[in-house]
PDB file of all heavy atoms in Angstrom:
ATOM      1  N   ASP A   1      -4.682  -0.036   7.807  1.00  0.00           N
ATOM      2  CA  ASP A   1      -5.602   0.941   7.308  1.00  0.00           C
ATOM      3  C   ASP A   1      -6.032   0.405   5.895  1.00  0.00           C
ATOM      4  O   ASP A   1      -5.252   0.252   5.011  1.00  0.00           O
ATOM      5  CB  ASP A   1      -4.993   2.352   7.144  1.00  0.00           C
ATOM      6  CG  ASP A   1      -5.970   3.274   6.550  1.00  0.00           C
ATOM      7  OD1 ASP A   1      -7.187   3.261   6.913  1.00  0.00           O
ATOM      8  OD2 ASP A   1      -5.607   4.180   5.721  1.00  0.00           O
ATOM      9  N   VAL A   2      -7.358   0.193   5.677  1.00  0.00           N
ATOM     10  CA  VAL A   2      -7.914  -0.338   4.505  1.00  0.00           C
ATOM     11  C   VAL A   2      -8.757   0.775   3.942  1.00  0.00           C
ATOM     12  O   VAL A   2      -9.702   1.227   4.519  1.00  0.00           O
ATOM     13  CB  VAL A   2      -8.760  -1.592   4.776  1.00  0.00           C
ATOM     14  CG1 VAL A   2      -9.289  -2.150   3.372  1.00  0.00           C
ATOM     15  CG2 VAL A   2      -8.007  -2.764   5.397  1.00  0.00           C
ATOM     16  N   ARG A   3      -8.460   1.092   2.702  1.00  0.00           N
ATOM     17  CA  ARG A   3      -9.150   2.279   2.070  1.00  0.00           C
ATOM     18  C   ARG A   3      -9.894   1.807   0.736  1.00  0.00           C
ATOM     19  O   ARG A   3      -9.429   1.967  -0.357  1.00  0.00           O
ATOM     20  CB  ARG A   3      -8.099   3.302   1.740  1.00  0.00           C
ATOM     21  CG  ARG A   3      -7.476   3.844   2.914  1.00  0.00           C
ATOM     22  CD  ARG A   3      -6.628   5.029   2.617  1.00  0.00           C
ATOM     23  NE  ARG A   3      -5.478   4.774   1.839  1.00  0.00           N
ATOM     24  CZ  ARG A   3      -4.247   4.309   2.241  1.00  0.00           C
ATOM     25  NH1 ARG A   3      -4.073   4.031   3.523  1.00  0.00           N
ATOM     26  NH2 ARG A   3      -3.269   4.022   1.337  1.00  0.00           N
ATOM     27  N   PRO A   4     -10.985   1.127   0.930  1.00  0.00           N
ATOM     28  CA  PRO A   4     -11.667   0.504  -0.257  1.00  0.00           C
ATOM     29  C   PRO A   4     -12.308   1.667  -1.125  1.00  0.00           C
ATOM     30  O   PRO A   4     -12.723   2.702  -0.595  1.00  0.00           O
ATOM     31  CB  PRO A   4     -12.730  -0.417   0.356  1.00  0.00           C
ATOM     32  CG  PRO A   4     -13.004   0.205   1.686  1.00  0.00           C
ATOM     33  CD  PRO A   4     -11.687   0.759   2.135  1.00  0.00           C
ATOM     34  N   PRO A   5     -12.424   1.423  -2.449  1.00  0.00           N
ATOM     35  CA  PRO A   5     -13.152   2.278  -3.272  1.00  0.00           C
ATOM     36  C   PRO A   5     -14.629   2.206  -2.951  1.00  0.00           C
ATOM     37  O   PRO A   5     -14.968   1.340  -2.032  1.00  0.00           O
ATOM     38  CB  PRO A   5     -12.958   1.655  -4.747  1.00  0.00           C
ATOM     39  CG  PRO A   5     -11.713   0.865  -4.576  1.00  0.00           C
ATOM     40  CD  PRO A   5     -11.633   0.393  -3.185  1.00  0.00           C
ATOM     41  N   HIS A   6     -15.460   2.976  -3.576  1.00  0.00           N
ATOM     42  CA  HIS A   6     -16.952   2.886  -3.338  1.00  0.00           C
ATOM     43  C   HIS A   6     -17.457   1.492  -3.338  1.00  0.00           C
ATOM     44  O   HIS A   6     -17.052   0.755  -4.285  1.00  0.00           O
ATOM     45  CB  HIS A   6     -17.637   3.815  -4.357  1.00  0.00           C
ATOM     46  CG  HIS A   6     -19.169   3.589  -4.243  1.00  0.00           C
ATOM     47  ND1 HIS A   6     -19.879   3.808  -3.072  1.00  0.00           N
ATOM     48  CD2 HIS A   6     -19.977   3.283  -5.287  1.00  0.00           C
ATOM     49  CE1 HIS A   6     -21.123   3.685  -3.297  1.00  0.00           C
ATOM     50  NE2 HIS A   6     -21.315   3.277  -4.642  1.00  0.00           N
ATOM     51  N   THR A   7     -18.155   1.048  -2.217  1.00  0.00           N
ATOM     52  CA  THR A   7     -18.680  -0.377  -2.238  1.00  0.00           C
ATOM     53  C   THR A   7     -20.159  -0.297  -2.067  1.00  0.00           C
ATOM     54  O   THR A   7     -20.692   0.575  -1.346  1.00  0.00           O
ATOM     55  CB  THR A   7     -17.958  -1.006  -1.020  1.00  0.00           C
ATOM     56  OG1 THR A   7     -16.459  -0.852  -1.145  1.00  0.00           O
ATOM     57  CG2 THR A   7     -18.352  -2.488  -0.904  1.00  0.00           C
ATOM     58  N   GLU A   8     -20.822  -1.301  -2.657  1.00  0.00           N
ATOM     59  CA  GLU A   8     -22.249  -1.244  -2.709  1.00  0.00           C
ATOM     60  C   GLU A   8     -22.783  -1.958  -1.363  1.00  0.00           C
ATOM     61  O   GLU A   8     -23.332  -3.059  -1.343  1.00  0.00           O
ATOM     62  CB  GLU A   8     -22.733  -2.070  -3.808  1.00  0.00           C
ATOM     63  CG  GLU A   8     -22.470  -1.497  -5.272  1.00  0.00           C
ATOM     64  CD  GLU A   8     -23.064  -0.164  -5.427  1.00  0.00           C
ATOM     65  OE1 GLU A   8     -24.072   0.097  -4.803  1.00  0.00           O
ATOM     66  OE2 GLU A   8     -22.615   0.615  -6.365  1.00  0.00           O
ATOM     67  N   THR A   9     -22.557  -1.301  -0.274  1.00  0.00           N
ATOM     68  CA  THR A   9     -22.994  -1.651   1.088  1.00  0.00           C
ATOM     69  C   THR A   9     -24.511  -1.204   1.349  1.00  0.00           C
ATOM     70  O   THR A   9     -25.007  -1.579   2.313  1.00  0.00           O
ATOM     71  CB  THR A   9     -22.021  -1.314   2.157  1.00  0.00           C
ATOM     72  OG1 THR A   9     -22.081   0.224   2.182  1.00  0.00           O
ATOM     73  CG2 THR A   9     -20.753  -1.804   1.888  1.00  0.00           C
ATOM     74  N   GLY A  10     -24.877  -0.249   0.559  1.00  0.00           N
ATOM     75  CA  GLY A  10     -26.222   0.384   0.913  1.00  0.00           C
ATOM     76  C   GLY A  10     -25.989   1.562   1.898  1.00  0.00           C
ATOM     77  O   GLY A  10     -26.984   2.207   2.232  1.00  0.00           O
ATOM     78  N   LEU A  11     -24.779   1.820   2.257  1.00  0.00           N
ATOM     79  CA  LEU A  11     -24.531   2.950   3.282  1.00  0.00           C
ATOM     80  C   LEU A  11     -24.976   4.342   2.717  1.00  0.00           C
ATOM     81  O   LEU A  11     -25.528   5.078   3.435  1.00  0.00           O
ATOM     82  CB  LEU A  11     -23.051   2.952   3.638  1.00  0.00           C
ATOM     83  CG  LEU A  11     -22.716   3.832   4.777  1.00  0.00           C
ATOM     84  CD1 LEU A  11     -23.289   3.388   6.103  1.00  0.00           C
ATOM     85  CD2 LEU A  11     -21.129   3.953   4.863  1.00  0.00           C
ATOM     86  N   VAL A  12     -24.759   4.583   1.424  1.00  0.00           N
ATOM     87  CA  VAL A  12     -25.167   5.878   0.886  1.00  0.00           C
ATOM     88  C   VAL A  12     -26.670   6.013   0.871  1.00  0.00           C
ATOM     89  O   VAL A  12     -27.217   7.145   0.988  1.00  0.00           O
ATOM     90  CB  VAL A  12     -24.586   6.086  -0.623  1.00  0.00           C
ATOM     91  CG1 VAL A  12     -23.134   6.092  -0.525  1.00  0.00           C
ATOM     92  CG2 VAL A  12     -25.172   4.962  -1.501  1.00  0.00           C
ATOM     93  N   ASP A  13     -27.465   4.947   0.776  1.00  0.00           N
ATOM     94  CA  ASP A  13     -28.888   4.958   0.891  1.00  0.00           C
ATOM     95  C   ASP A  13     -29.414   5.214   2.232  1.00  0.00           C
ATOM     96  O   ASP A  13     -30.644   5.548   2.410  1.00  0.00           O
ATOM     97  CB  ASP A  13     -29.521   3.722   0.286  1.00  0.00           C
ATOM     98  CG  ASP A  13     -29.057   3.514  -1.209  1.00  0.00           C
ATOM     99  OD1 ASP A  13     -28.921   4.470  -1.927  1.00  0.00           O
ATOM    100  OD2 ASP A  13     -28.802   2.287  -1.501  1.00  0.00           O
ATOM    101  N   ARG A  14     -28.553   4.995   3.272  1.00  0.00           N
ATOM    102  CA  ARG A  14     -28.952   5.169   4.730  1.00  0.00           C
ATOM    103  C   ARG A  14     -28.145   6.403   5.203  1.00  0.00           C
ATOM    104  O   ARG A  14     -27.903   6.489   6.415  1.00  0.00           O
ATOM    105  CB  ARG A  14     -28.609   3.873   5.448  1.00  0.00           C
ATOM    106  CG  ARG A  14     -29.327   2.677   5.064  1.00  0.00           C
ATOM    107  CD  ARG A  14     -29.190   1.589   5.973  1.00  0.00           C
ATOM    108  NE  ARG A  14     -27.695   1.196   6.224  1.00  0.00           N
ATOM    109  CZ  ARG A  14     -27.039   0.345   5.368  1.00  0.00           C
ATOM    110  NH1 ARG A  14     -27.646  -0.116   4.271  1.00  0.00           N
ATOM    111  NH2 ARG A  14     -25.787   0.150   5.544  1.00  0.00           N
ATOM    112  N   ALA A  15     -27.764   7.317   4.351  1.00  0.00           N
ATOM    113  CA  ALA A  15     -27.001   8.482   4.852  1.00  0.00           C
ATOM    114  C   ALA A  15     -27.792   9.245   5.933  1.00  0.00           C
ATOM    115  O   ALA A  15     -29.012   9.409   5.829  1.00  0.00           O
ATOM    116  CB  ALA A  15     -26.670   9.433   3.653  1.00  0.00           C
ATOM    117  N   ILE A  16     -26.997   9.802   6.914  1.00  0.00           N
ATOM    118  CA  ILE A  16     -27.707  10.510   7.918  1.00  0.00           C
ATOM    119  C   ILE A  16     -28.091  11.929   7.579  1.00  0.00           C
ATOM    120  O   ILE A  16     -28.752  12.572   8.255  1.00  0.00           O
ATOM    121  CB  ILE A  16     -26.796  10.501   9.252  1.00  0.00           C
ATOM    122  CG1 ILE A  16     -25.478  11.174   9.007  1.00  0.00           C
ATOM    123  CG2 ILE A  16     -26.577   9.088   9.721  1.00  0.00           C
ATOM    124  CD1 ILE A  16     -24.616  11.353  10.109  1.00  0.00           C
ATOM    125  N   ALA A  17     -27.580  12.327   6.347  1.00  0.00           N
ATOM    126  CA  ALA A  17     -27.948  13.669   5.938  1.00  0.00           C
ATOM    127  C   ALA A  17     -27.627  13.668   4.433  1.00  0.00           C
ATOM    128  O   ALA A  17     -26.513  13.247   3.900  1.00  0.00           O
ATOM    129  CB  ALA A  17     -27.254  14.791   6.645  1.00  0.00           C
ATOM    130  N   GLY A  18     -28.460  14.496   3.658  1.00  0.00           N
ATOM    131  CA  GLY A  18     -28.070  14.849   2.302  1.00  0.00           C
ATOM    132  C   GLY A  18     -28.313  13.791   1.239  1.00  0.00           C
ATOM    133  O   GLY A  18     -28.711  12.614   1.531  1.00  0.00           O
ATOM    134  N   ASP A  19     -28.058  14.131  -0.016  1.00  0.00           N
ATOM    135  CA  ASP A  19     -28.257  13.062  -1.138  1.00  0.00           C
ATOM    136  C   ASP A  19     -26.931  12.895  -1.746  1.00  0.00           C
ATOM    137  O   ASP A  19     -26.109  13.789  -2.003  1.00  0.00           O
ATOM    138  CB  ASP A  19     -29.184  13.641  -2.211  1.00  0.00           C
ATOM    139  CG  ASP A  19     -30.562  13.817  -1.590  1.00  0.00           C
ATOM    140  OD1 ASP A  19     -31.144  12.959  -0.929  1.00  0.00           O
ATOM    141  OD2 ASP A  19     -31.240  14.893  -1.802  1.00  0.00           O
ATOM    142  N   PRO A  20     -26.528  11.551  -1.966  1.00  0.00           N
ATOM    143  CA  PRO A  20     -25.193  11.302  -2.664  1.00  0.00           C
ATOM    144  C   PRO A  20     -25.169  11.823  -4.042  1.00  0.00           C
ATOM    145  O   PRO A  20     -26.113  11.849  -4.689  1.00  0.00           O
ATOM    146  CB  PRO A  20     -25.141   9.867  -2.538  1.00  0.00           C
ATOM    147  CG  PRO A  20     -26.559   9.395  -2.470  1.00  0.00           C
ATOM    148  CD  PRO A  20     -27.294  10.452  -1.820  1.00  0.00           C
ATOM    149  N   PRO A  21     -23.952  12.252  -4.439  1.00  0.00           N
ATOM    150  CA  PRO A  21     -23.719  12.622  -5.884  1.00  0.00           C
ATOM    151  C   PRO A  21     -23.759  11.298  -6.655  1.00  0.00           C
ATOM    152  O   PRO A  21     -23.697  10.183  -6.105  1.00  0.00           O
ATOM    153  CB  PRO A  21     -22.323  13.222  -5.834  1.00  0.00           C
ATOM    154  CG  PRO A  21     -21.611  12.555  -4.731  1.00  0.00           C
ATOM    155  CD  PRO A  21     -22.703  12.386  -3.605  1.00  0.00           C
ATOM    156  N   LYS A  22     -23.952  11.448  -7.960  1.00  0.00           N
ATOM    157  CA  LYS A  22     -24.029  10.312  -8.855  1.00  0.00           C
ATOM    158  C   LYS A  22     -22.611   9.541  -8.764  1.00  0.00           C
ATOM    159  O   LYS A  22     -21.559  10.298  -8.868  1.00  0.00           O
ATOM    160  CB  LYS A  22     -24.336  10.699 -10.259  1.00  0.00           C
ATOM    161  CG  LYS A  22     -24.426   9.523 -11.186  1.00  0.00           C
ATOM    162  CD  LYS A  22     -24.915   9.966 -12.587  1.00  0.00           C
ATOM    163  CE  LYS A  22     -26.416  10.467 -12.543  1.00  0.00           C
ATOM    164  NZ  LYS A  22     -26.823  10.647 -13.874  1.00  0.00           N
ATOM    165  N   MET A  23     -22.660   8.313  -8.566  1.00  0.00           N
ATOM    166  CA  MET A  23     -21.438   7.504  -8.497  1.00  0.00           C
ATOM    167  C   MET A  23     -21.521   6.353  -9.356  1.00  0.00           C
ATOM    168  O   MET A  23     -22.599   5.723  -9.659  1.00  0.00           O
ATOM    169  CB  MET A  23     -21.206   7.057  -7.025  1.00  0.00           C
ATOM    170  CG  MET A  23     -20.848   8.150  -5.968  1.00  0.00           C
ATOM    171  SD  MET A  23     -20.445   7.423  -4.393  1.00  0.00           S
ATOM    172  CE  MET A  23     -21.994   7.915  -3.384  1.00  0.00           C
ATOM    173  N   PRO A  24     -20.341   5.841  -9.864  1.00  0.00           N
ATOM    174  CA  PRO A  24     -20.271   4.678 -10.717  1.00  0.00           C
ATOM    175  C   PRO A  24     -20.662   3.495  -9.739  1.00  0.00           C
ATOM    176  O   PRO A  24     -20.642   3.518  -8.498  1.00  0.00           O
ATOM    177  CB  PRO A  24     -18.965   4.589 -11.150  1.00  0.00           C
ATOM    178  CG  PRO A  24     -18.103   5.378 -10.147  1.00  0.00           C
ATOM    179  CD  PRO A  24     -18.967   6.473  -9.738  1.00  0.00           C
ATOM    180  N   GLU A  25     -20.934   2.363 -10.362  1.00  0.00           N
ATOM    181  CA  GLU A  25     -21.292   1.107  -9.649  1.00  0.00           C
ATOM    182  C   GLU A  25     -19.966   0.698  -8.788  1.00  0.00           C
ATOM    183  O   GLU A  25     -18.871   0.860  -9.321  1.00  0.00           O
ATOM    184  CB  GLU A  25     -21.651   0.006 -10.522  1.00  0.00           C
ATOM    185  CG  GLU A  25     -21.904  -1.373  -9.829  1.00  0.00           C
ATOM    186  CD  GLU A  25     -22.316  -2.337 -10.689  1.00  0.00           C
ATOM    187  OE1 GLU A  25     -22.484  -2.117 -11.854  1.00  0.00           O
ATOM    188  OE2 GLU A  25     -22.675  -3.498 -10.220  1.00  0.00           O
ATOM    189  N   GLY A  26     -20.237   0.447  -7.472  1.00  0.00           N
ATOM    190  CA  GLY A  26     -19.075   0.155  -6.599  1.00  0.00           C
ATOM    191  C   GLY A  26     -18.711  -1.319  -6.591  1.00  0.00           C
ATOM    192  O   GLY A  26     -19.373  -2.079  -7.254  1.00  0.00           O
ATOM    193  N   LEU A  27     -17.738  -1.587  -5.800  1.00  0.00           N
ATOM    194  CA  LEU A  27     -17.296  -3.039  -5.632  1.00  0.00           C
ATOM    195  C   LEU A  27     -18.363  -3.769  -4.811  1.00  0.00           C
ATOM    196  O   LEU A  27     -19.176  -3.129  -4.052  1.00  0.00           O
ATOM    197  CB  LEU A  27     -15.899  -3.014  -4.881  1.00  0.00           C
ATOM    198  CG  LEU A  27     -14.774  -2.483  -5.534  1.00  0.00           C
ATOM    199  CD1 LEU A  27     -13.562  -2.541  -4.544  1.00  0.00           C
ATOM    200  CD2 LEU A  27     -14.533  -3.176  -6.756  1.00  0.00           C
ATOM    201  N   SER A  28     -18.419  -4.989  -4.904  1.00  0.00           N
ATOM    202  CA  SER A  28     -19.320  -5.906  -4.113  1.00  0.00           C
ATOM    203  C   SER A  28     -18.749  -5.914  -2.715  1.00  0.00           C
ATOM    204  O   SER A  28     -17.481  -5.980  -2.488  1.00  0.00           O
ATOM    205  CB  SER A  28     -19.454  -7.246  -4.701  1.00  0.00           C
ATOM    206  OG  SER A  28     -18.429  -7.986  -4.384  1.00  0.00           O
ATOM    207  N   PRO A  29     -19.620  -6.005  -1.615  1.00  0.00           N
ATOM    208  CA  PRO A  29     -19.135  -6.216  -0.287  1.00  0.00           C
ATOM    209  C   PRO A  29     -18.274  -7.438  -0.154  1.00  0.00           C
ATOM    210  O   PRO A  29     -17.425  -7.463   0.641  1.00  0.00           O
ATOM    211  CB  PRO A  29     -20.439  -6.255   0.534  1.00  0.00           C
ATOM    212  CG  PRO A  29     -21.448  -5.566  -0.280  1.00  0.00           C
ATOM    213  CD  PRO A  29     -21.110  -5.797  -1.736  1.00  0.00           C
ATOM    214  N   ASP A  30     -18.622  -8.512  -0.977  1.00  0.00           N
ATOM    215  CA  ASP A  30     -17.875  -9.751  -0.839  1.00  0.00           C
ATOM    216  C   ASP A  30     -16.404  -9.452  -1.258  1.00  0.00           C
ATOM    217  O   ASP A  30     -15.496 -10.136  -0.721  1.00  0.00           O
ATOM    218  CB  ASP A  30     -18.550 -10.844  -1.795  1.00  0.00           C
ATOM    219  CG  ASP A  30     -19.854 -11.330  -1.185  1.00  0.00           C
ATOM    220  OD1 ASP A  30     -19.951 -11.513   0.070  1.00  0.00           O
ATOM    221  OD2 ASP A  30     -20.828 -11.377  -1.914  1.00  0.00           O
ATOM    222  N   THR A  31     -16.139  -8.806  -2.305  1.00  0.00           N
ATOM    223  CA  THR A  31     -14.894  -8.474  -2.799  1.00  0.00           C
ATOM    224  C   THR A  31     -14.076  -7.737  -1.810  1.00  0.00           C
ATOM    225  O   THR A  31     -12.866  -8.117  -1.499  1.00  0.00           O
ATOM    226  CB  THR A  31     -15.003  -7.595  -4.073  1.00  0.00           C
ATOM    227  OG1 THR A  31     -15.619  -8.439  -5.063  1.00  0.00           O
ATOM    228  CG2 THR A  31     -13.612  -7.283  -4.602  1.00  0.00           C
ATOM    229  N   VAL A  32     -14.702  -6.699  -1.167  1.00  0.00           N
ATOM    230  CA  VAL A  32     -13.961  -5.987  -0.114  1.00  0.00           C
ATOM    231  C   VAL A  32     -13.718  -6.808   1.194  1.00  0.00           C
ATOM    232  O   VAL A  32     -12.626  -6.868   1.758  1.00  0.00           O
ATOM    233  CB  VAL A  32     -14.798  -4.741   0.219  1.00  0.00           C
ATOM    234  CG1 VAL A  32     -13.963  -3.894   1.314  1.00  0.00           C
ATOM    235  CG2 VAL A  32     -14.857  -3.800  -0.958  1.00  0.00           C
ATOM    236  N   ALA A  33     -14.695  -7.580   1.510  1.00  0.00           N
ATOM    237  CA  ALA A  33     -14.525  -8.493   2.746  1.00  0.00           C
ATOM    238  C   ALA A  33     -13.348  -9.529   2.460  1.00  0.00           C
ATOM    239  O   ALA A  33     -12.532  -9.716   3.293  1.00  0.00           O
ATOM    240  CB  ALA A  33     -15.771  -9.196   3.022  1.00  0.00           C
ATOM    241  N   ASP A  34     -13.318 -10.030   1.207  1.00  0.00           N
ATOM    242  CA  ASP A  34     -12.191 -10.934   0.935  1.00  0.00           C
ATOM    243  C   ASP A  34     -10.867 -10.317   1.025  1.00  0.00           C
ATOM    244  O   ASP A  34      -9.915 -10.899   1.406  1.00  0.00           O
ATOM    245  CB  ASP A  34     -12.472 -11.576  -0.437  1.00  0.00           C
ATOM    246  CG  ASP A  34     -13.638 -12.595  -0.504  1.00  0.00           C
ATOM    247  OD1 ASP A  34     -14.101 -12.943   0.489  1.00  0.00           O
ATOM    248  OD2 ASP A  34     -14.081 -12.877  -1.630  1.00  0.00           O
ATOM    249  N   ARG A  35     -10.886  -8.990   0.521  1.00  0.00           N
ATOM    250  CA  ARG A  35      -9.599  -8.327   0.532  1.00  0.00           C
ATOM    251  C   ARG A  35      -9.089  -8.059   2.022  1.00  0.00           C
ATOM    252  O   ARG A  35      -7.909  -8.087   2.291  1.00  0.00           O
ATOM    253  CB  ARG A  35      -9.676  -7.044  -0.190  1.00  0.00           C
ATOM    254  CG  ARG A  35      -8.473  -6.267  -0.525  1.00  0.00           C
ATOM    255  CD  ARG A  35      -7.522  -7.137  -1.440  1.00  0.00           C
ATOM    256  NE  ARG A  35      -6.278  -6.589  -1.537  1.00  0.00           N
ATOM    257  CZ  ARG A  35      -5.164  -6.626  -0.697  1.00  0.00           C
ATOM    258  NH1 ARG A  35      -5.343  -7.365   0.343  1.00  0.00           N
ATOM    259  NH2 ARG A  35      -3.973  -6.125  -1.005  1.00  0.00           N
ATOM    260  N   VAL A  36     -10.127  -7.731   2.880  1.00  0.00           N
ATOM    261  CA  VAL A  36      -9.761  -7.525   4.304  1.00  0.00           C
ATOM    262  C   VAL A  36      -9.226  -8.761   4.858  1.00  0.00           C
ATOM    263  O   VAL A  36      -8.150  -8.734   5.587  1.00  0.00           O
ATOM    264  CB  VAL A  36     -11.032  -7.019   5.071  1.00  0.00           C
ATOM    265  CG1 VAL A  36     -10.770  -7.072   6.527  1.00  0.00           C
ATOM    266  CG2 VAL A  36     -11.386  -5.612   4.591  1.00  0.00           C
ATOM    267  N   ILE A  37      -9.836  -9.889   4.671  1.00  0.00           N
ATOM    268  CA  ILE A  37      -9.379 -11.171   5.159  1.00  0.00           C
ATOM    269  C   ILE A  37      -7.922 -11.502   4.592  1.00  0.00           C
ATOM    270  O   ILE A  37      -7.080 -11.991   5.329  1.00  0.00           O
ATOM    271  CB  ILE A  37     -10.285 -12.295   4.801  1.00  0.00           C
ATOM    272  CG1 ILE A  37     -11.662 -12.036   5.501  1.00  0.00           C
ATOM    273  CG2 ILE A  37      -9.687 -13.713   5.270  1.00  0.00           C
ATOM    274  CD1 ILE A  37     -11.667 -12.030   7.005  1.00  0.00           C
ATOM    275  N   ALA A  38      -7.729 -11.230   3.385  1.00  0.00           N
ATOM    276  CA  ALA A  38      -6.393 -11.410   2.735  1.00  0.00           C
ATOM    277  C   ALA A  38      -5.317 -10.548   3.390  1.00  0.00           C
ATOM    278  O   ALA A  38      -4.177 -10.938   3.627  1.00  0.00           O
ATOM    279  CB  ALA A  38      -6.476 -11.158   1.194  1.00  0.00           C
ATOM    280  N   ALA A  39      -5.659  -9.335   3.787  1.00  0.00           N
ATOM    281  CA  ALA A  39      -4.732  -8.401   4.498  1.00  0.00           C
ATOM    282  C   ALA A  39      -4.408  -8.980   5.868  1.00  0.00           C
ATOM    283  O   ALA A  39      -3.254  -8.888   6.311  1.00  0.00           O
ATOM    284  CB  ALA A  39      -5.300  -7.085   4.566  1.00  0.00           C
ATOM    285  N   ILE A  40      -5.411  -9.543   6.533  1.00  0.00           N
ATOM    286  CA  ILE A  40      -5.125 -10.146   7.878  1.00  0.00           C
ATOM    287  C   ILE A  40      -4.196 -11.266   7.764  1.00  0.00           C
ATOM    288  O   ILE A  40      -3.200 -11.357   8.440  1.00  0.00           O
ATOM    289  CB  ILE A  40      -6.440 -10.563   8.469  1.00  0.00           C
ATOM    290  CG1 ILE A  40      -7.386  -9.247   8.804  1.00  0.00           C
ATOM    291  CG2 ILE A  40      -6.285 -11.316   9.744  1.00  0.00           C
ATOM    292  CD1 ILE A  40      -8.763  -9.624   9.287  1.00  0.00           C
ATOM    293  N   THR A  41      -4.508 -12.257   6.795  1.00  0.00           N
ATOM    294  CA  THR A  41      -3.738 -13.485   6.715  1.00  0.00           C
ATOM    295  C   THR A  41      -2.431 -13.208   6.136  1.00  0.00           C
ATOM    296  O   THR A  41      -1.418 -13.911   6.411  1.00  0.00           O
ATOM    297  CB  THR A  41      -4.545 -14.480   5.985  1.00  0.00           C
ATOM    298  OG1 THR A  41      -4.827 -14.030   4.616  1.00  0.00           O
ATOM    299  CG2 THR A  41      -5.830 -14.889   6.763  1.00  0.00           C
ATOM    300  N   GLY A  42      -2.296 -12.192   5.276  1.00  0.00           N
ATOM    301  CA  GLY A  42      -1.082 -12.068   4.426  1.00  0.00           C
ATOM    302  C   GLY A  42      -0.080 -11.103   5.127  1.00  0.00           C
ATOM    303  O   GLY A  42       0.995 -10.777   4.536  1.00  0.00           O
TER     304      GLY A  42
END
């Protein structure tokens, strides 16, 4: 189970309903993807 902090994937801009609350800048998708790969290999 990988529980990343808010990540700048653009998902909030494509929400299926509603407007997102104001959020701080999230992690880059590259950072999260690298962490997922590290979890797999590690």
